[in-house]
Amino acid sequence: MADPIGMIIRRIDIALKKHADRAWGAFDITMSQGMILHFISQQRPGTVSQRDIEHRFGLRHPTVSGILKRLEQGGFVEFGTKETDHRVKIVNETEKARLVGERLRAGHERMDRQIVKGLTEEEQAQLRSLLLRVLDNISQQEPEEREW
């Protein structure tokens, strides 16, 4: 009997997390922290709010607060307020994060190449499209308690 698709995806997730945690451990950054730092670095400085991060990653406020707190303690982010609305907390990367970010991006690129090794350009595009559809399907469905 073939493994359920969800189980395969979970095994991939675990393998990616292990790899990232080993690679980023030298910087004392977890995979979750690295993903959030990468997101912040891709945005215009002074524009990323905690809520933006919550929406981008589908995470709850307490989870993002904890990750950002650890990143702040590590010297990777600092907080400010939005110029037009001082109630909105803005997250900015520090110089330390920019320096580490360059190495993290290189690691991301190596991992992406490893993931699609042996796949044609067309297969890579198809894989990306299928995975995004799976994510969309899963994001739309709330599990019923009876299902589990």
Protein backbone atom coordinates (compact mmCIF):
# COMPACT_ATOMS: atom_id res chain seq x y z
CA MET A 1 0.00 0.00 0.00
CA ALA A 2 1.34 3.42 -0.96
CA ASP A 3 1.99 5.99 1.76
CA PRO A 4 -0.75 8.61 2.08
CA ILE A 5 0.19 11.90 0.40
CA GLY A 6 -0.11 13.76 3.70
CA MET A 7 2.43 11.41 5.26
CA ILE A 8 4.88 11.99 2.40
CA ILE A 9 4.50 15.75 2.75
CA ARG A 10 5.06 15.49 6.50
CA ARG A 11 8.23 13.42 5.99
CA ILE A 12 9.50 16.05 3.55
CA ASP A 13 8.72 18.77 6.10
CA ILE A 14 10.64 16.93 8.81
CA ALA A 15 13.65 16.37 6.53
CA LEU A 16 13.73 20.03 5.46
CA LYS A 17 13.44 21.22 9.06
CA LYS A 18 16.26 18.93 10.19
CA HIS A 19 18.50 20.12 7.38
CA ALA A 20 17.74 23.81 7.99
CA ASP A 21 18.14 23.55 11.75
CA ARG A 22 21.56 21.90 11.29
CA ALA A 23 22.68 24.48 8.73
CA TRP A 24 21.33 27.50 10.57
CA GLY A 25 22.29 26.25 14.02
CA ALA A 26 25.68 27.89 13.54
CA PHE A 27 23.84 31.22 13.66
CA ASP A 28 21.56 30.08 16.50
CA ILE A 29 18.55 30.38 14.17
CA THR A 30 15.79 27.82 13.71
CA MET A 31 14.07 27.13 10.41
CA SER A 32 11.01 29.14 11.52
CA GLN A 33 13.16 32.09 12.49
CA GLY A 34 15.10 31.87 9.24
CA MET A 35 11.93 31.85 7.15
CA ILE A 36 10.63 34.94 8.93
CA LEU A 37 13.99 36.72 8.59
CA HIS A 38 13.99 35.89 4.88
CA PHE A 39 10.47 37.33 4.51
CA ILE A 40 11.42 40.54 6.34
CA SER A 41 14.54 40.94 4.21
CA GLN A 42 12.48 40.70 1.00
CA GLN A 43 10.24 43.63 2.00
CA ARG A 44 10.87 47.35 1.91
CA PRO A 45 12.46 48.49 5.21
CA GLY A 46 9.98 49.87 7.70
CA THR A 47 6.94 48.18 6.15
CA VAL A 48 6.63 44.76 7.80
CA SER A 49 4.27 44.47 10.74
CA GLN A 50 3.83 41.50 13.01
CA ARG A 51 0.38 41.03 11.50
CA ASP A 52 1.96 40.81 8.01
CA ILE A 53 4.12 37.94 9.26
CA GLU A 54 1.12 36.20 10.85
CA HIS A 55 -0.81 36.38 7.57
CA ARG A 56 2.10 35.36 5.36
CA PHE A 57 2.86 32.21 7.34
CA GLY A 58 -0.63 31.40 8.67
CA LEU A 59 0.62 31.61 12.24
CA ARG A 60 -1.11 32.89 15.34
CA HIS A 61 -0.10 36.02 17.21
CA PRO A 62 1.52 34.26 20.21
CA THR A 63 3.64 32.07 17.93
CA VAL A 64 4.94 35.02 15.91
CA SER A 65 5.49 37.05 19.09
CA GLY A 66 7.66 34.28 20.51
CA ILE A 67 9.70 33.90 17.33
CA LEU A 68 10.23 37.66 17.05
CA LYS A 69 11.17 37.92 20.71
CA ARG A 70 13.90 35.29 20.23
CA LEU A 71 15.10 37.04 17.06
CA GLU A 72 15.24 40.34 18.95
CA GLN A 73 17.20 38.72 21.79
CA GLY A 74 19.64 37.35 19.21
CA GLY A 75 20.11 40.79 17.71
CA PHE A 76 18.45 39.95 14.39
CA VAL A 77 15.42 42.25 14.52
CA GLU A 78 14.40 45.48 16.17
CA PHE A 79 11.00 47.07 16.53
CA GLY A 80 9.63 50.45 15.62
CA THR A 81 6.25 51.94 14.91
CA LYS A 82 4.55 52.80 11.67
CA GLU A 83 4.92 56.48 10.82
CA THR A 84 1.25 56.86 9.92
CA ASP A 85 -0.11 54.79 12.83
CA HIS A 86 2.01 54.51 15.97
CA ARG A 87 -0.15 51.63 17.24
CA VAL A 88 1.27 49.33 14.53
CA LYS A 89 4.52 47.60 15.51
CA ILE A 90 7.00 47.40 12.63
CA VAL A 91 9.72 44.74 12.49
CA ASN A 92 13.07 45.66 10.96
CA GLU A 93 16.09 43.46 10.34
CA THR A 94 19.36 44.56 11.89
CA GLU A 95 22.76 44.75 10.25
CA LYS A 96 23.54 41.38 11.86
CA ALA A 97 20.48 39.90 10.15
CA ARG A 98 21.51 41.37 6.78
CA LEU A 99 24.96 39.79 7.07
CA VAL A 100 23.61 36.40 8.13
CA GLY A 101 20.79 36.71 5.60
CA GLU A 102 23.20 36.58 2.68
CA ARG A 103 24.50 33.22 3.88
CA LEU A 104 20.99 31.96 4.63
CA ARG A 105 19.81 32.90 1.12
CA ALA A 106 22.71 30.97 -0.36
CA GLY A 107 21.68 27.98 1.76
CA HIS A 108 18.06 28.35 0.60
CA GLU A 109 19.20 28.29 -3.00
CA ARG A 110 21.33 25.17 -2.45
CA MET A 111 18.40 23.41 -0.76
CA ASP A 112 16.03 24.37 -3.57
CA ARG A 113 18.48 22.97 -6.12
CA GLN A 114 18.72 19.75 -4.10
CA ILE A 115 14.94 19.45 -3.87
CA VAL A 116 14.46 19.64 -7.64
CA LYS A 117 17.62 17.75 -8.59
CA GLY A 118 16.90 15.59 -11.63
CA LEU A 119 13.65 17.39 -12.49
CA THR A 120 13.24 19.22 -15.77
CA GLU A 121 12.22 22.89 -15.81
CA GLU A 122 8.73 21.77 -16.81
CA GLU A 123 8.55 19.25 -13.95
CA GLN A 124 9.74 21.90 -11.50
CA ALA A 125 7.01 24.28 -12.64
CA GLN A 126 4.45 21.48 -12.42
CA LEU A 127 5.63 20.52 -8.92
CA ARG A 128 5.39 24.14 -7.74
CA SER A 129 1.92 24.48 -9.22
CA LEU A 130 0.69 21.22 -7.68
CA LEU A 131 2.12 22.04 -4.25
CA LEU A 132 0.49 25.48 -4.28
CA ARG A 133 -2.84 23.85 -5.19
CA VAL A 134 -2.43 21.35 -2.34
CA LEU A 135 -1.65 24.21 0.06
CA ASP A 136 -4.69 26.10 -1.16
CA ASN A 137 -6.90 23.00 -0.75
CA ILE A 138 -5.66 22.39 2.77
CA SER A 139 -5.93 26.06 3.75
CA GLN A 140 -9.59 26.18 2.73
CA GLN A 141 -10.66 23.08 4.67
CA GLU A 142 -11.17 23.12 8.41
CA PRO A 143 -11.03 19.56 9.76
CA GLU A 144 -14.09 18.32 11.55
CA GLU A 145 -13.35 16.79 14.92
CA ARG A 146 -15.06 13.57 13.89
CA GLU A 147 -12.68 13.17 10.95
CA TRP A 148 -9.68 12.70 13.25
